[in-house]
Amino acid sequence: MRLDHLPAFHDDGLNVVVETPRGSRAKYTYDPESGLFVVGKLLPVGLAFPVNFGFVPSTIGGDGDPMDAVVVTDEALATGCLVQCRILGVIETRKTRKGRRVKDDRLVVLPAHEKGLAHLKSIDDLGGEIHEIEQFFVSYNRTHGKPFAILGRGGPARARALLKAALM
């Protein structure tokens, strides 16, 4: 079964497939045709993913790809692993793709079984860390010459509404 066609939900929460581990300078992208993870970009020295980055299977975001997910944890997770997560919120963004401005939201999630982060209930509970994550995506896109804007943040209810609209 293709990873992008796995169910979006699991008994314990939302399924997320990790593409790029925290701390990586390489941006990996899942290629559904080959079933492999392909190195899409290499970030400049000094710029690395501050979080694990992946996608929610069986969804289609505003950019035509599966909905993006940011998995907040201190551990770098392996490329290709499936993580059951709980939703903290969403970073709503807009980018330009093929000359069109499109929504490209990022769900902000935690591993469902992460006991050390059980006190976090909403994106607002991340404090300054959420601003750092947003600024990483701004810098990442600027480095690659792509227009990108943070439109705002939403809590778990807003994230679930966007996720529901993205389900295939």
Protein backbone atom coordinates (compact mmCIF):
# COMPACT_ATOMS: atom_id res chain seq x y z
CA MET A 1 0.00 0.00 0.00
CA ARG A 2 1.23 3.49 -0.84
CA LEU A 3 2.05 5.63 2.19
CA ASP A 4 -0.06 8.52 0.94
CA HIS A 5 -3.10 6.20 0.86
CA LEU A 6 -2.86 4.99 4.45
CA PRO A 7 -5.82 6.10 6.58
CA ALA A 8 -5.59 9.64 7.95
CA PHE A 9 -6.72 8.50 11.39
CA HIS A 10 -5.78 5.74 13.80
CA ASP A 11 -7.52 4.72 17.02
CA ASP A 12 -5.13 6.89 19.02
CA GLY A 13 -5.19 9.92 16.74
CA LEU A 14 -3.94 11.34 13.47
CA ASN A 15 -1.49 9.42 11.27
CA VAL A 16 1.56 11.35 10.06
CA VAL A 17 4.28 10.02 7.74
CA VAL A 18 7.62 11.69 8.48
CA GLU A 19 9.51 12.88 5.41
CA THR A 20 12.23 15.08 6.93
CA PRO A 21 13.64 14.47 10.41
CA ARG A 22 14.31 17.21 12.91
CA GLY A 23 17.88 18.53 12.49
CA SER A 24 18.16 17.54 8.82
CA ARG A 25 19.56 19.90 6.21
CA ALA A 26 18.14 17.66 3.47
CA LYS A 27 14.45 18.11 2.56
CA TYR A 28 13.03 14.70 1.70
CA THR A 29 9.84 14.23 -0.29
CA TYR A 30 7.81 11.06 -0.63
CA ASP A 31 7.48 9.92 -4.26
CA PRO A 32 4.29 7.85 -4.56
CA GLU A 33 5.31 6.40 -7.94
CA SER A 34 8.48 4.74 -6.66
CA GLY A 35 7.53 4.47 -2.99
CA LEU A 36 10.86 6.10 -2.12
CA PHE A 37 11.85 9.26 -0.30
CA VAL A 38 13.74 11.60 -2.60
CA VAL A 39 16.16 14.36 -1.61
CA GLY A 40 14.40 17.44 -2.94
CA LYS A 41 16.59 20.22 -1.58
CA LEU A 42 19.67 20.75 0.52
CA LEU A 43 19.50 23.66 2.92
CA PRO A 44 22.47 26.00 3.34
CA VAL A 45 24.88 25.48 6.21
CA GLY A 46 23.32 26.77 9.42
CA LEU A 47 19.72 26.09 8.35
CA ALA A 48 18.12 22.82 9.46
CA PHE A 49 14.61 21.61 10.17
CA PRO A 50 13.74 22.49 13.80
CA VAL A 51 10.94 19.90 13.82
CA ASN A 52 10.04 16.64 12.11
CA PHE A 53 8.16 17.44 8.92
CA GLY A 54 5.77 15.16 7.08
CA PHE A 55 2.28 14.69 5.74
CA VAL A 56 -1.13 13.33 6.66
CA PRO A 57 -2.03 10.43 4.37
CA SER A 58 -5.35 10.40 2.49
CA THR A 59 -5.54 14.20 2.42
CA ILE A 60 -5.08 16.86 -0.24
CA GLY A 61 -4.00 20.34 0.86
CA GLY A 62 -4.52 23.62 -0.96
CA ASP A 63 -1.28 23.09 -2.90
CA GLY A 64 -2.45 19.74 -4.31
CA ASP A 65 -0.12 17.67 -2.09
CA PRO A 66 -1.04 15.79 1.07
CA MET A 67 -1.59 18.12 4.02
CA ASP A 68 1.67 19.05 5.76
CA ALA A 69 2.31 18.24 9.40
CA VAL A 70 4.92 19.49 11.85
CA VAL A 71 5.63 16.87 14.53
CA VAL A 72 6.90 18.63 17.66
CA THR A 73 9.22 16.44 19.71
CA ASP A 74 12.83 16.60 20.90
CA GLU A 75 13.61 13.37 19.06
CA ALA A 76 14.54 13.21 15.38
CA LEU A 77 12.15 10.67 13.86
CA ALA A 78 13.17 8.44 10.96
CA THR A 79 12.21 9.27 7.40
CA GLY A 80 9.29 7.05 6.40
CA CYS A 81 8.05 6.26 9.89
CA LEU A 82 4.37 6.46 10.74
CA VAL A 83 3.53 8.40 13.90
CA GLN A 84 0.16 8.49 15.62
CA CYS A 85 -0.32 12.09 16.72
CA ARG A 86 -2.65 14.43 18.51
CA ILE A 87 -3.45 17.84 17.08
CA LEU A 88 -2.34 21.08 18.76
CA GLY A 89 -3.34 23.44 15.98
CA VAL A 90 -2.42 24.78 12.58
CA ILE A 91 -0.14 27.39 11.03
CA GLU A 92 -2.07 28.82 8.10
CA THR A 93 0.20 29.85 5.24
CA ARG A 94 0.17 30.88 1.61
CA LYS A 95 2.80 30.22 -1.03
CA THR A 96 3.16 30.67 -4.75
CA ARG A 97 3.18 27.49 -6.81
CA LYS A 98 3.39 27.56 -10.60
CA GLY A 99 2.49 31.25 -10.58
CA ARG A 100 -0.60 30.76 -8.39
CA ARG A 101 -1.03 31.75 -4.76
CA VAL A 102 -2.22 28.70 -2.83
CA LYS A 103 -2.92 27.82 0.80
CA ASP A 104 -0.31 25.48 2.25
CA ASP A 105 -1.25 24.99 5.88
CA ARG A 106 0.84 23.03 8.38
CA LEU A 107 -0.84 21.02 11.10
CA VAL A 108 1.07 21.21 14.38
CA VAL A 109 0.97 17.85 16.16
CA LEU A 110 2.60 15.85 18.95
CA PRO A 111 3.22 12.10 19.09
CA ALA A 112 0.12 10.71 20.84
CA HIS A 113 2.14 8.74 23.35
CA GLU A 114 4.67 11.48 24.24
CA LYS A 115 4.21 11.57 28.03
CA GLY A 116 6.63 14.47 28.58
CA LEU A 117 4.48 16.78 26.46
CA ALA A 118 1.05 15.71 27.77
CA HIS A 119 0.52 19.18 29.30
CA LEU A 120 0.46 20.77 25.81
CA LYS A 121 -3.15 21.08 24.62
CA SER A 122 -3.01 23.86 22.00
CA ILE A 123 -0.56 25.55 19.67
CA ASP A 124 -0.53 28.49 22.10
CA ASP A 125 1.05 26.25 24.75
CA LEU A 126 4.23 26.09 22.64
CA GLY A 127 5.07 29.69 23.54
CA GLY A 128 8.01 31.15 21.60
CA GLU A 129 8.75 27.81 19.93
CA ILE A 130 5.82 28.25 17.53
CA HIS A 131 7.22 31.60 16.38
CA GLU A 132 10.61 29.94 15.74
CA ILE A 133 8.92 27.22 13.68
CA GLU A 134 7.06 29.84 11.63
CA GLN A 135 10.27 31.81 11.04
CA PHE A 136 12.04 28.66 9.87
CA PHE A 137 9.44 28.19 7.12
CA VAL A 138 9.70 31.85 6.12
CA SER A 139 13.53 31.57 5.93
CA TYR A 140 13.39 28.19 4.17
CA ASN A 141 11.17 29.58 1.41
CA ARG A 142 13.12 32.84 1.14
CA THR A 143 16.35 30.82 0.70
CA HIS A 144 14.72 29.06 -2.25
CA GLY A 145 13.33 32.30 -3.73
CA LYS A 146 9.71 31.39 -3.07
CA PRO A 147 7.09 33.88 -1.88
CA PHE A 148 5.61 32.65 1.40
CA ALA A 149 3.39 34.24 4.03
CA ILE A 150 2.18 33.27 7.47
CA LEU A 151 -1.55 34.04 7.52
CA GLY A 152 -2.20 33.13 11.14
CA ARG A 153 -2.55 30.34 13.67
CA GLY A 154 -5.46 28.29 14.83
CA GLY A 155 -6.09 25.91 17.68
CA PRO A 156 -7.19 22.28 17.56
CA ALA A 157 -10.75 23.06 16.37
CA ARG A 158 -9.52 25.13 13.41
CA ALA A 159 -6.96 22.45 12.54
CA ARG A 160 -9.62 19.72 12.59
CA ALA A 161 -11.89 21.80 10.31
CA LEU A 162 -9.09 22.28 7.76
CA LEU A 163 -8.18 18.60 8.04
CA LYS A 164 -11.78 17.54 7.48
CA ALA A 165 -11.91 19.65 4.30
CA ALA A 166 -8.66 18.03 3.07
CA LEU A 167 -9.76 14.39 3.49
CA MET A 168 -9.93 12.42 0.24
